[in-house]
């Protein structure tokens, strides 16, 4: 992710990703060209773990 270069100990990152839809009529997953689906959630979780390892809050 491009924001990695800004990650250092003491930095603060705030995330507000789309929630997984509970049904077909309640879907807010298209904030970006590709849908924010399960693989994207997993990618974000991995990024958060990496930030945590760097001491980022």
C-alpha atoms as a PDB file:
ATOM      1  CA  UNK A   1       0.000   0.000   0.000  1.00  0.00           C
ATOM      2  CA  UNK A   2       1.228   3.468  -0.827  1.00  0.00           C
ATOM      3  CA  UNK A   3       0.752   4.753   2.720  1.00  0.00           C
ATOM      4  CA  UNK A   4       3.462   2.430   4.069  1.00  0.00           C
ATOM      5  CA  UNK A   5       6.100   5.076   3.454  1.00  0.00           C
ATOM      6  CA  UNK A   6       4.410   7.295   6.056  1.00  0.00           C
ATOM      7  CA  UNK A   7       4.351   4.576   8.728  1.00  0.00           C
ATOM      8  CA  UNK A   8       6.774   5.033  11.587  1.00  0.00           C
ATOM      9  CA  UNK A   9       6.682   4.448  15.317  1.00  0.00           C
ATOM     10  CA  UNK A  10       4.237   6.863  16.908  1.00  0.00           C
ATOM     11  CA  UNK A  11       2.302   7.510  13.693  1.00  0.00           C
ATOM     12  CA  UNK A  12      -1.470   7.241  13.881  1.00  0.00           C
ATOM     13  CA  UNK A  13      -3.535   5.672  11.111  1.00  0.00           C
ATOM     14  CA  UNK A  14      -7.332   5.802  10.967  1.00  0.00           C
ATOM     15  CA  UNK A  15      -9.288   3.368   8.804  1.00  0.00           C
ATOM     16  CA  UNK A  16     -12.976   3.441   7.953  1.00  0.00           C
ATOM     17  CA  UNK A  17     -13.383   0.622   5.440  1.00  0.00           C
ATOM     18  CA  UNK A  18     -16.752  -0.381   4.026  1.00  0.00           C
ATOM     19  CA  UNK A  19     -18.633  -2.909   6.102  1.00  0.00           C
ATOM     20  CA  UNK A  20     -19.434  -6.324   4.747  1.00  0.00           C
ATOM     21  CA  UNK A  21     -23.051  -6.134   3.490  1.00  0.00           C
ATOM     22  CA  UNK A  22     -25.607  -7.986   5.584  1.00  0.00           C
ATOM     23  CA  UNK A  23     -27.886  -8.419   2.566  1.00  0.00           C
ATOM     24  CA  UNK A  24     -28.018  -7.527  -1.147  1.00  0.00           C
ATOM     25  CA  UNK A  25     -30.036  -4.328  -0.665  1.00  0.00           C
ATOM     26  CA  UNK A  26     -27.645  -2.940   1.957  1.00  0.00           C
ATOM     27  CA  UNK A  27     -24.316  -2.777   0.176  1.00  0.00           C
ATOM     28  CA  UNK A  28     -21.739   0.007   0.548  1.00  0.00           C
ATOM     29  CA  UNK A  29     -18.709  -1.713  -0.903  1.00  0.00           C
ATOM     30  CA  UNK A  30     -18.076   0.302  -4.060  1.00  0.00           C
ATOM     31  CA  UNK A  31     -16.038   3.248  -2.784  1.00  0.00           C
ATOM     32  CA  UNK A  32     -13.285   2.386  -5.210  1.00  0.00           C
ATOM     33  CA  UNK A  33     -13.130   1.033  -8.777  1.00  0.00           C
ATOM     34  CA  UNK A  34     -12.975  -2.572  -7.560  1.00  0.00           C
ATOM     35  CA  UNK A  35     -15.330  -3.774  -4.836  1.00  0.00           C
ATOM     36  CA  UNK A  36     -14.093  -3.918  -1.262  1.00  0.00           C
ATOM     37  CA  UNK A  37     -14.602  -7.640  -0.834  1.00  0.00           C
ATOM     38  CA  UNK A  38     -13.215 -10.372   1.425  1.00  0.00           C
ATOM     39  CA  UNK A  39      -9.753 -10.425  -0.224  1.00  0.00           C
ATOM     40  CA  UNK A  40      -9.533  -6.642   0.256  1.00  0.00           C
ATOM     41  CA  UNK A  41     -10.542  -7.032   3.934  1.00  0.00           C
ATOM     42  CA  UNK A  42      -7.795  -9.650   4.361  1.00  0.00           C
ATOM     43  CA  UNK A  43      -5.267  -7.372   2.653  1.00  0.00           C
ATOM     44  CA  UNK A  44      -6.215  -4.499   4.977  1.00  0.00           C
ATOM     45  CA  UNK A  45      -5.923  -6.772   8.035  1.00  0.00           C
ATOM     46  CA  UNK A  46      -2.418  -7.755   6.945  1.00  0.00           C
ATOM     47  CA  UNK A  47      -1.498  -4.107   6.498  1.00  0.00           C
ATOM     48  CA  UNK A  48      -2.805  -3.321  10.001  1.00  0.00           C
ATOM     49  CA  UNK A  49      -0.677  -6.123  11.459  1.00  0.00           C
ATOM     50  CA  UNK A  50       2.353  -4.745   9.644  1.00  0.00           C
ATOM     51  CA  UNK A  51       1.686  -1.260  11.013  1.00  0.00           C
ATOM     52  CA  UNK A  52       1.305  -2.670  14.522  1.00  0.00           C
ATOM     53  CA  UNK A  53       4.672  -4.397  14.208  1.00  0.00           C
ATOM     54  CA  UNK A  54       6.211  -1.012  13.353  1.00  0.00           C
ATOM     55  CA  UNK A  55       4.733   0.610  16.462  1.00  0.00           C
ATOM     56  CA  UNK A  56       2.093   2.543  14.562  1.00  0.00           C
ATOM     57  CA  UNK A  57      -1.130   3.268  16.415  1.00  0.00           C
END
